[in-house]
Amino acid sequence: MEILEKFVFILLGVAVSAIGYLLKRKIESKPQVEAIDKHKKLLDIHKQMNDQGVDLNALRQLEAMITGKAAAIQNNTVILQAESTPLIEQDESEDLTQLELNERASARLEKAKEKMQRAIAGIDSRVGDFESQSLMNSQIEWERYSVSQAEAAASSYKGGSIYPLIYASELESLANERTARLQAELDELVRLGN
């Protein structure tokens, strides 16, 4: 019996050592496999670029266009925010009612929507039917999103007199963000001569 126990312990030791060795090899080879996968992907990208006649300069131009558009969007956002009139002017000494603040927020929202509509009209006048329809579809989806977002932002004030102010302010902010993107797109179309 004692020999059988020793034999079982030896087999168990060998099994544990073998499992440990295999795990160690698996862990050690993982970075190698990842490096091989990375190189394979880079080769695939290189092949696709060659097949499509795209070189490094074309990629750099694409990067410049994308980052330039992001910078234009950011710049447009800053401009739109600066153009927006404050709810309360610095020289106003009178107290405003909540109703008056709500009305001002609503008026600011309408101005933001007008700017957005001008940008949409500018794009629409410079693109074909397919692009125009895509723009209109995206605008419908954006409007659904913006209403849901504004409702979510104002939901904790539901039933309160400040709810319209929070709701309209969120919609205005979203409209300004959308307008900044649309204006960047319009500026690009104008630059390209469309």
Protein backbone atom coordinates (compact mmCIF):
# COMPACT_ATOMS: atom_id res chain seq x y z
CA MET A 1 0.00 0.00 0.00
CA GLU A 2 2.83 2.34 0.84
CA ILE A 3 4.40 1.85 -2.60
CA LEU A 4 1.06 2.56 -4.27
CA GLU A 5 0.69 5.83 -2.31
CA LYS A 6 4.23 6.88 -3.30
CA PHE A 7 3.47 6.04 -6.93
CA VAL A 8 0.24 8.10 -6.84
CA PHE A 9 2.08 11.05 -5.27
CA ILE A 10 4.80 10.80 -7.91
CA LEU A 11 2.18 10.74 -10.70
CA LEU A 12 0.34 13.64 -9.08
CA GLY A 13 3.62 15.57 -8.82
CA VAL A 14 4.42 14.87 -12.47
CA ALA A 15 0.91 15.95 -13.51
CA VAL A 16 1.11 19.18 -11.49
CA SER A 17 4.58 19.91 -12.90
CA ALA A 18 3.39 19.24 -16.45
CA ILE A 19 0.36 21.51 -16.02
CA GLY A 20 2.56 24.20 -14.49
CA TYR A 21 5.02 23.90 -17.38
CA LEU A 22 2.24 24.11 -19.98
CA LEU A 23 0.69 27.13 -18.28
CA LYS A 24 4.08 28.82 -18.12
CA ARG A 25 4.65 28.17 -21.83
CA LYS A 26 1.19 29.48 -22.68
CA ILE A 27 1.75 32.66 -20.66
CA GLU A 28 5.22 33.17 -22.13
CA SER A 29 4.07 32.70 -25.72
CA LYS A 30 1.08 35.05 -25.46
CA PRO A 31 3.12 38.21 -26.17
CA GLN A 32 4.72 36.42 -29.13
CA VAL A 33 1.30 35.47 -30.49
CA GLU A 34 0.07 39.04 -30.00
CA ALA A 35 3.13 40.40 -31.78
CA ILE A 36 2.62 37.97 -34.66
CA ASP A 37 -1.08 38.94 -34.89
CA LYS A 38 -0.14 42.64 -34.87
CA HIS A 39 2.41 42.14 -37.65
CA LYS A 40 -0.08 40.11 -39.66
CA LYS A 41 -2.68 42.87 -39.35
CA LEU A 42 -0.13 45.50 -40.38
CA LEU A 43 0.79 43.41 -43.42
CA ASP A 44 -2.89 43.05 -44.33
CA ILE A 45 -3.34 46.82 -44.05
CA HIS A 46 -0.22 47.40 -46.15
CA LYS A 47 -1.49 44.99 -48.81
CA GLN A 48 -4.90 46.67 -48.90
CA MET A 49 -3.27 50.09 -49.19
CA ASN A 50 -1.14 48.87 -52.10
CA ASP A 51 -4.15 47.24 -53.77
CA GLN A 52 -6.09 50.51 -53.55
CA GLY A 53 -3.17 52.74 -54.48
CA VAL A 54 -3.07 54.47 -51.10
CA ASP A 55 0.29 55.61 -49.81
CA LEU A 56 1.51 57.10 -46.56
CA ASN A 57 0.98 60.65 -47.82
CA ALA A 58 -2.67 59.90 -48.56
CA LEU A 59 -3.06 58.59 -45.00
CA ARG A 60 -1.45 61.74 -43.64
CA GLN A 61 -3.85 63.86 -45.70
CA LEU A 62 -6.78 61.87 -44.33
CA GLU A 63 -5.49 62.33 -40.79
CA ALA A 64 -5.08 66.08 -41.37
CA MET A 65 -8.59 66.30 -42.75
CA ILE A 66 -10.06 64.41 -39.80
CA THR A 67 -8.12 66.31 -37.15
CA GLY A 68 -8.78 69.54 -38.99
CA LYS A 69 -12.48 68.82 -38.93
CA ALA A 70 -12.32 68.08 -35.19
CA ALA A 71 -10.55 71.40 -34.62
CA ALA A 72 -13.14 73.18 -36.78
CA ILE A 73 -15.96 71.62 -34.76
CA GLN A 74 -14.33 72.73 -31.52
CA ASN A 75 -13.79 76.24 -32.89
CA ASN A 76 -17.39 76.45 -34.11
CA THR A 77 -18.63 75.32 -30.68
CA VAL A 78 -16.68 78.09 -28.98
CA ILE A 79 -18.04 80.66 -31.44
CA LEU A 80 -21.64 79.50 -30.97
CA GLN A 81 -21.32 79.61 -27.19
CA ALA A 82 -19.83 83.11 -27.35
CA GLU A 83 -22.68 84.31 -29.59
CA SER A 84 -25.30 82.97 -27.21
CA THR A 85 -26.78 85.69 -25.02
CA PRO A 86 -26.67 85.03 -21.28
CA LEU A 87 -29.91 84.37 -19.45
CA ILE A 88 -29.10 87.17 -17.06
CA GLU A 89 -27.17 90.19 -18.31
CA GLN A 90 -24.37 91.44 -16.07
CA ASP A 91 -25.93 94.89 -15.74
CA GLU A 92 -29.38 93.57 -14.81
CA SER A 93 -30.17 94.51 -11.28
CA GLU A 94 -33.82 93.49 -11.27
CA ASP A 95 -34.92 90.11 -10.05
CA LEU A 96 -36.34 87.87 -12.73
CA THR A 97 -39.15 85.42 -12.22
CA GLN A 98 -38.75 81.78 -13.12
CA LEU A 99 -41.24 82.30 -15.92
CA GLU A 100 -39.07 85.07 -17.40
CA LEU A 101 -35.96 82.86 -17.18
CA ASN A 102 -37.85 80.01 -18.84
CA GLU A 103 -38.94 82.36 -21.65
CA ARG A 104 -35.36 83.56 -22.17
CA ALA A 105 -34.10 79.97 -22.30
CA SER A 106 -36.78 79.17 -24.87
CA ALA A 107 -35.79 82.20 -26.98
CA ARG A 108 -32.13 81.14 -26.86
CA LEU A 109 -33.15 77.65 -27.97
CA GLU A 110 -35.07 79.06 -30.95
CA LYS A 111 -32.00 81.08 -32.02
CA ALA A 112 -29.82 77.98 -31.76
CA LYS A 113 -32.32 76.02 -33.86
CA GLU A 114 -32.36 78.77 -36.50
CA LYS A 115 -28.55 78.62 -36.80
CA MET A 116 -28.73 74.86 -37.12
CA GLN A 117 -31.38 75.11 -39.85
CA ARG A 118 -29.20 77.60 -41.76
CA ALA A 119 -26.28 75.16 -41.66
CA ILE A 120 -28.54 72.30 -42.81
CA ALA A 121 -29.89 74.43 -45.67
CA GLY A 122 -26.34 75.37 -46.68
CA ILE A 123 -25.28 71.74 -46.83
CA ASP A 124 -28.48 70.65 -48.54
CA SER A 125 -27.99 73.20 -51.31
CA ARG A 126 -24.51 71.82 -52.07
CA VAL A 127 -25.11 68.06 -52.12
CA GLY A 128 -26.96 65.58 -54.31
CA ASP A 129 -30.24 63.85 -53.62
CA PHE A 130 -28.72 60.84 -51.84
CA GLU A 131 -26.60 62.98 -49.51
CA SER A 132 -29.54 65.30 -48.92
CA GLN A 133 -31.79 62.41 -47.92
CA SER A 134 -29.06 61.04 -45.63
CA LEU A 135 -28.73 64.45 -44.01
CA MET A 136 -32.47 64.69 -43.45
CA ASN A 137 -32.59 61.16 -42.01
CA SER A 138 -29.73 61.92 -39.65
CA GLN A 139 -31.44 65.15 -38.59
CA ILE A 140 -34.65 63.30 -37.75
CA GLU A 141 -32.66 60.81 -35.66
CA TRP A 142 -30.72 63.63 -34.00
CA GLU A 143 -33.96 65.40 -33.07
CA ARG A 144 -35.27 62.23 -31.42
CA TYR A 145 -32.01 61.83 -29.53
CA SER A 146 -31.88 65.47 -28.44
CA VAL A 147 -35.42 65.42 -27.05
CA SER A 148 -34.69 62.21 -25.12
CA GLN A 149 -31.43 63.65 -23.81
CA ALA A 150 -33.08 66.90 -22.74
CA GLU A 151 -35.87 65.00 -21.00
CA ALA A 152 -33.29 62.89 -19.18
CA ALA A 153 -31.28 65.95 -18.15
CA ALA A 154 -34.36 67.72 -16.80
CA SER A 155 -36.12 64.67 -15.37
CA SER A 156 -35.15 65.33 -11.77
CA TYR A 157 -36.94 68.71 -12.04
CA LYS A 158 -40.14 67.27 -13.53
CA GLY A 159 -43.15 69.10 -12.17
CA GLY A 160 -41.03 72.02 -10.97
CA SER A 161 -41.07 75.53 -12.35
CA ILE A 162 -37.39 75.23 -13.36
CA TYR A 163 -38.03 72.18 -15.60
CA PRO A 164 -38.58 74.24 -18.80
CA LEU A 165 -35.33 76.15 -18.18
CA ILE A 166 -33.27 72.97 -17.74
CA TYR A 167 -34.98 71.27 -20.69
CA ALA A 168 -34.52 74.23 -23.07
CA SER A 169 -30.93 74.81 -21.94
CA GLU A 170 -30.01 71.18 -22.63
CA LEU A 171 -31.66 71.32 -26.06
CA GLU A 172 -29.80 74.56 -26.82
CA SER A 173 -26.48 72.99 -25.86
CA LEU A 174 -27.17 69.96 -28.04
CA ALA A 175 -28.29 72.19 -30.93
CA ASN A 176 -25.06 74.18 -30.66
CA GLU A 177 -23.00 70.97 -30.75
CA ARG A 178 -24.93 69.74 -33.79
CA THR A 179 -24.62 73.11 -35.51
CA ALA A 180 -20.87 73.16 -34.90
CA ARG A 181 -20.55 69.80 -36.67
CA LEU A 182 -22.85 70.83 -39.50
CA GLN A 183 -21.00 74.12 -39.95
CA ALA A 184 -17.66 72.29 -40.14
CA GLU A 185 -19.14 70.06 -42.84
CA LEU A 186 -20.54 73.07 -44.69
CA ASP A 187 -17.21 74.88 -44.49
CA GLU A 188 -15.50 71.80 -45.96
CA LEU A 189 -18.02 71.68 -48.82
CA VAL A 190 -17.46 75.37 -49.52
CA ARG A 191 -13.69 74.89 -49.41
CA LEU A 192 -13.95 72.03 -51.90
CA GLY A 193 -16.09 74.17 -54.19
CA ASN A 194 -19.36 72.28 -53.79
